[in-house]
């Protein structure tokens, strides 16, 4: 889905805020880096927040 929306921003009809992982108003390489950083992780990979 992110590949389809790549380079979309707040002014585009295709923009989907759920794919803007860093909430900068654009779906770009920064969002892909977030996915790559967490690729193959599971819920148990994260520290429990109380």
PDB file of N, CA and C in Angstrom:
ATOM      1  N   UNK A   1       0.829  -1.190   0.000  1.00  0.00           N
ATOM      2  CA  UNK A   1       0.000   0.000   0.000  1.00  0.00           C
ATOM      3  C   UNK A   1       0.874   1.254   0.000  1.00  0.00           C
ATOM      4  N   UNK A   2       1.922   1.258   0.793  1.00  0.00           N
ATOM      5  CA  UNK A   2       2.779   2.444   0.848  1.00  0.00           C
ATOM      6  C   UNK A   2       3.446   2.690  -0.507  1.00  0.00           C
ATOM      7  N   UNK A   3       3.824   1.627  -1.200  1.00  0.00           N
ATOM      8  CA  UNK A   3       4.436   1.789  -2.522  1.00  0.00           C
ATOM      9  C   UNK A   3       3.480   2.492  -3.484  1.00  0.00           C
ATOM     10  N   UNK A   4       2.201   2.162  -3.390  1.00  0.00           N
ATOM     11  CA  UNK A   4       1.195   2.791  -4.254  1.00  0.00           C
ATOM     12  C   UNK A   4       1.013   4.269  -3.929  1.00  0.00           C
ATOM     13  N   UNK A   5       1.190   4.626  -2.664  1.00  0.00           N
ATOM     14  CA  UNK A   5       0.969   6.005  -2.221  1.00  0.00           C
ATOM     15  C   UNK A   5       2.255   6.815  -2.118  1.00  0.00           C
ATOM     16  N   UNK A   6       3.378   6.210  -2.490  1.00  0.00           N
ATOM     17  CA  UNK A   6       4.671   6.875  -2.373  1.00  0.00           C
ATOM     18  C   UNK A   6       4.653   8.240  -3.064  1.00  0.00           C
ATOM     19  N   UNK A   7       5.156   9.245  -2.398  1.00  0.00           N
ATOM     20  CA  UNK A   7       5.224  10.649  -2.833  1.00  0.00           C
ATOM     21  C   UNK A   7       3.894  11.393  -2.720  1.00  0.00           C
ATOM     22  N   UNK A   8       2.876  10.778  -2.144  1.00  0.00           N
ATOM     23  CA  UNK A   8       1.621  11.503  -1.904  1.00  0.00           C
ATOM     24  C   UNK A   8       1.810  12.411  -0.690  1.00  0.00           C
ATOM     25  N   UNK A   9       1.128  13.539  -0.697  1.00  0.00           N
ATOM     26  CA  UNK A   9       1.189  14.443   0.452  1.00  0.00           C
ATOM     27  C   UNK A   9      -0.214  14.928   0.801  1.00  0.00           C
ATOM     28  N   UNK A  10      -0.290  15.765   1.813  1.00  0.00           N
ATOM     29  CA  UNK A  10      -1.591  16.229   2.312  1.00  0.00           C
ATOM     30  C   UNK A  10      -2.493  16.815   1.226  1.00  0.00           C
ATOM     31  N   UNK A  11      -1.914  17.366   0.179  1.00  0.00           N
ATOM     32  CA  UNK A  11      -2.700  18.009  -0.878  1.00  0.00           C
ATOM     33  C   UNK A  11      -3.198  17.031  -1.938  1.00  0.00           C
ATOM     34  N   UNK A  12      -2.777  15.758  -1.861  1.00  0.00           N
ATOM     35  CA  UNK A  12      -3.179  14.761  -2.852  1.00  0.00           C
ATOM     36  C   UNK A  12      -4.409  13.992  -2.376  1.00  0.00           C
ATOM     37  N   UNK A  13      -5.304  13.698  -3.295  1.00  0.00           N
ATOM     38  CA  UNK A  13      -6.492  12.909  -2.960  1.00  0.00           C
ATOM     39  C   UNK A  13      -6.106  11.505  -2.517  1.00  0.00           C
ATOM     40  N   UNK A  14      -4.968  11.004  -2.986  1.00  0.00           N
ATOM     41  CA  UNK A  14      -4.529   9.650  -2.648  1.00  0.00           C
ATOM     42  C   UNK A  14      -3.893   9.562  -1.267  1.00  0.00           C
ATOM     43  N   UNK A  15      -3.595  10.681  -0.640  1.00  0.00           N
ATOM     44  CA  UNK A  15      -2.915  10.676   0.663  1.00  0.00           C
ATOM     45  C   UNK A  15      -3.726   9.902   1.697  1.00  0.00           C
ATOM     46  N   UNK A  16      -3.048   9.047   2.447  1.00  0.00           N
ATOM     47  CA  UNK A  16      -3.675   8.257   3.501  1.00  0.00           C
ATOM     48  C   UNK A  16      -2.826   8.430   4.760  1.00  0.00           C
ATOM     49  N   UNK A  17      -3.353   9.088   5.766  1.00  0.00           N
ATOM     50  CA  UNK A  17      -2.600   9.392   6.984  1.00  0.00           C
ATOM     51  C   UNK A  17      -2.095   8.139   7.679  1.00  0.00           C
ATOM     52  N   UNK A  18      -2.770   7.011   7.510  1.00  0.00           N
ATOM     53  CA  UNK A  18      -2.318   5.774   8.142  1.00  0.00           C
ATOM     54  C   UNK A  18      -0.998   5.278   7.565  1.00  0.00           C
ATOM     55  N   UNK A  19      -0.649   5.714   6.380  1.00  0.00           N
ATOM     56  CA  UNK A  19       0.616   5.322   5.752  1.00  0.00           C
ATOM     57  C   UNK A  19       1.714   6.347   5.990  1.00  0.00           C
ATOM     58  N   UNK A  20       1.370   7.473   6.570  1.00  0.00           N
ATOM     59  CA  UNK A  20       2.349   8.519   6.898  1.00  0.00           C
ATOM     60  C   UNK A  20       2.847   8.253   8.321  1.00  0.00           C
ATOM     61  N   UNK A  21       3.776   7.334   8.436  1.00  0.00           N
ATOM     62  CA  UNK A  21       4.176   6.814   9.736  1.00  0.00           C
ATOM     63  C   UNK A  21       4.863   7.835  10.625  1.00  0.00           C
ATOM     64  N   UNK A  22       5.538   8.814  10.044  1.00  0.00           N
ATOM     65  CA  UNK A  22       6.206   9.832  10.867  1.00  0.00           C
ATOM     66  C   UNK A  22       5.404  11.135  10.938  1.00  0.00           C
ATOM     67  N   UNK A  23       4.205  11.123  10.376  1.00  0.00           N
ATOM     68  CA  UNK A  23       3.263  12.249  10.456  1.00  0.00           C
ATOM     69  C   UNK A  23       3.846  13.581   9.983  1.00  0.00           C
ATOM     70  N   UNK A  24       4.630  13.516   8.884  1.00  0.00           N
ATOM     71  CA  UNK A  24       5.209  14.753   8.342  1.00  0.00           C
ATOM     72  C   UNK A  24       4.398  15.319   7.176  1.00  0.00           C
ATOM     73  N   UNK A  25       3.263  14.693   6.880  1.00  0.00           N
ATOM     74  CA  UNK A  25       2.408  15.209   5.809  1.00  0.00           C
ATOM     75  C   UNK A  25       2.744  14.666   4.432  1.00  0.00           C
ATOM     76  N   UNK A  26       3.668  13.708   4.368  1.00  0.00           N
ATOM     77  CA  UNK A  26       4.044  13.116   3.089  1.00  0.00           C
ATOM     78  C   UNK A  26       4.386  11.647   3.292  1.00  0.00           C
ATOM     79  N   UNK A  27       4.074  10.846   2.294  1.00  0.00           N
ATOM     80  CA  UNK A  27       4.448   9.441   2.318  1.00  0.00           C
ATOM     81  C   UNK A  27       5.687   9.327   1.446  1.00  0.00           C
ATOM     82  N   UNK A  28       6.820   9.111   2.109  1.00  0.00           N
ATOM     83  CA  UNK A  28       8.092   9.177   1.406  1.00  0.00           C
ATOM     84  C   UNK A  28       9.093   8.173   1.981  1.00  0.00           C
ATOM     85  N   UNK A  29      10.354   8.338   1.624  1.00  0.00           N
ATOM     86  CA  UNK A  29      11.393   7.412   2.042  1.00  0.00           C
ATOM     87  C   UNK A  29      11.517   7.327   3.560  1.00  0.00           C
ATOM     88  N   UNK A  30      11.234   8.384   4.260  1.00  0.00           N
ATOM     89  CA  UNK A  30      11.294   8.356   5.727  1.00  0.00           C
ATOM     90  C   UNK A  30      10.325   7.322   6.297  1.00  0.00           C
ATOM     91  N   UNK A  31       9.176   7.184   5.689  1.00  0.00           N
ATOM     92  CA  UNK A  31       8.199   6.194   6.138  1.00  0.00           C
ATOM     93  C   UNK A  31       8.673   4.780   5.812  1.00  0.00           C
ATOM     94  N   UNK A  32       9.308   4.607   4.661  1.00  0.00           N
ATOM     95  CA  UNK A  32       9.857   3.305   4.275  1.00  0.00           C
ATOM     96  C   UNK A  32      10.955   2.881   5.246  1.00  0.00           C
ATOM     97  N   UNK A  33      11.779   3.825   5.686  1.00  0.00           N
ATOM     98  CA  UNK A  33      12.854   3.530   6.638  1.00  0.00           C
ATOM     99  C   UNK A  33      12.272   3.023   7.957  1.00  0.00           C
ATOM    100  N   UNK A  34      11.172   3.594   8.390  1.00  0.00           N
ATOM    101  CA  UNK A  34      10.521   3.141   9.626  1.00  0.00           C
ATOM    102  C   UNK A  34      10.079   1.689   9.469  1.00  0.00           C
ATOM    103  N   UNK A  35       9.516   1.361   8.319  1.00  0.00           N
ATOM    104  CA  UNK A  35       9.093  -0.018   8.071  1.00  0.00           C
ATOM    105  C   UNK A  35      10.304  -0.942   8.059  1.00  0.00           C
ATOM    106  N   UNK A  36      11.353  -0.549   7.365  1.00  0.00           N
ATOM    107  CA  UNK A  36      12.552  -1.388   7.272  1.00  0.00           C
ATOM    108  C   UNK A  36      13.180  -1.611   8.648  1.00  0.00           C
ATOM    109  N   UNK A  37      13.176  -0.588   9.459  1.00  0.00           N
ATOM    110  CA  UNK A  37      13.765  -0.686  10.798  1.00  0.00           C
ATOM    111  C   UNK A  37      13.039  -1.723  11.652  1.00  0.00           C
ATOM    112  N   UNK A  38      11.749  -1.865  11.454  1.00  0.00           N
ATOM    113  CA  UNK A  38      10.944  -2.763  12.270  1.00  0.00           C
ATOM    114  C   UNK A  38      10.537  -4.036  11.539  1.00  0.00           C
ATOM    115  N   UNK A  39      11.094  -4.242  10.359  1.00  0.00           N
ATOM    116  CA  UNK A  39      10.756  -5.424   9.563  1.00  0.00           C
ATOM    117  C   UNK A  39      11.091  -6.695  10.341  1.00  0.00           C
ATOM    118  N   UNK A  40      10.198  -7.647  10.308  1.00  0.00           N
ATOM    119  CA  UNK A  40      10.362  -8.944  10.954  1.00  0.00           C
ATOM    120  C   UNK A  40      10.322  -8.860  12.479  1.00  0.00           C
ATOM    121  N   UNK A  41       9.798  -7.778  13.022  1.00  0.00           N
ATOM    122  CA  UNK A  41       9.626  -7.644  14.468  1.00  0.00           C
ATOM    123  C   UNK A  41       8.245  -8.150  14.851  1.00  0.00           C
ATOM    124  N   UNK A  42       8.090  -8.471  16.106  1.00  0.00           N
ATOM    125  CA  UNK A  42       6.781  -8.857  16.619  1.00  0.00           C
ATOM    126  C   UNK A  42       6.500  -8.038  17.875  1.00  0.00           C
ATOM    127  N   UNK A  43       5.318  -8.167  18.399  1.00  0.00           N
ATOM    128  CA  UNK A  43       4.953  -7.406  19.595  1.00  0.00           C
ATOM    129  C   UNK A  43       5.905  -7.685  20.750  1.00  0.00           C
ATOM    130  N   UNK A  44       6.419  -8.900  20.818  1.00  0.00           N
ATOM    131  CA  UNK A  44       7.338  -9.240  21.902  1.00  0.00           C
ATOM    132  C   UNK A  44       8.707  -8.579  21.742  1.00  0.00           C
ATOM    133  N   UNK A  45       8.976  -7.968  20.592  1.00  0.00           N
ATOM    134  CA  UNK A  45      10.247  -7.286  20.351  1.00  0.00           C
ATOM    135  C   UNK A  45      10.316  -5.924  21.031  1.00  0.00           C
ATOM    136  N   UNK A  46       9.182  -5.425  21.500  1.00  0.00           N
ATOM    137  CA  UNK A  46       9.106  -4.083  22.044  1.00  0.00           C
ATOM    138  C   UNK A  46       9.037  -4.103  23.569  1.00  0.00           C
ATOM    139  N   UNK A  47       9.534  -3.063  24.166  1.00  0.00           N
ATOM    140  CA  UNK A  47       9.512  -2.916  25.622  1.00  0.00           C
ATOM    141  C   UNK A  47       8.080  -2.622  26.061  1.00  0.00           C
ATOM    142  N   UNK A  48       7.645  -3.261  27.121  1.00  0.00           N
ATOM    143  CA  UNK A  48       6.305  -3.040  27.625  1.00  0.00           C
ATOM    144  C   UNK A  48       6.235  -1.669  28.293  1.00  0.00           C
ATOM    145  N   UNK A  49       5.255  -0.874  27.893  1.00  0.00           N
ATOM    146  CA  UNK A  49       5.038   0.455  28.457  1.00  0.00           C
ATOM    147  C   UNK A  49       3.845   0.379  29.393  1.00  0.00           C
ATOM    148  N   UNK A  50       4.037   0.845  30.601  1.00  0.00           N
ATOM    149  CA  UNK A  50       2.966   0.761  31.592  1.00  0.00           C
ATOM    150  C   UNK A  50       2.119   2.003  31.561  1.00  0.00           C
TER     151      UNK A  50
END
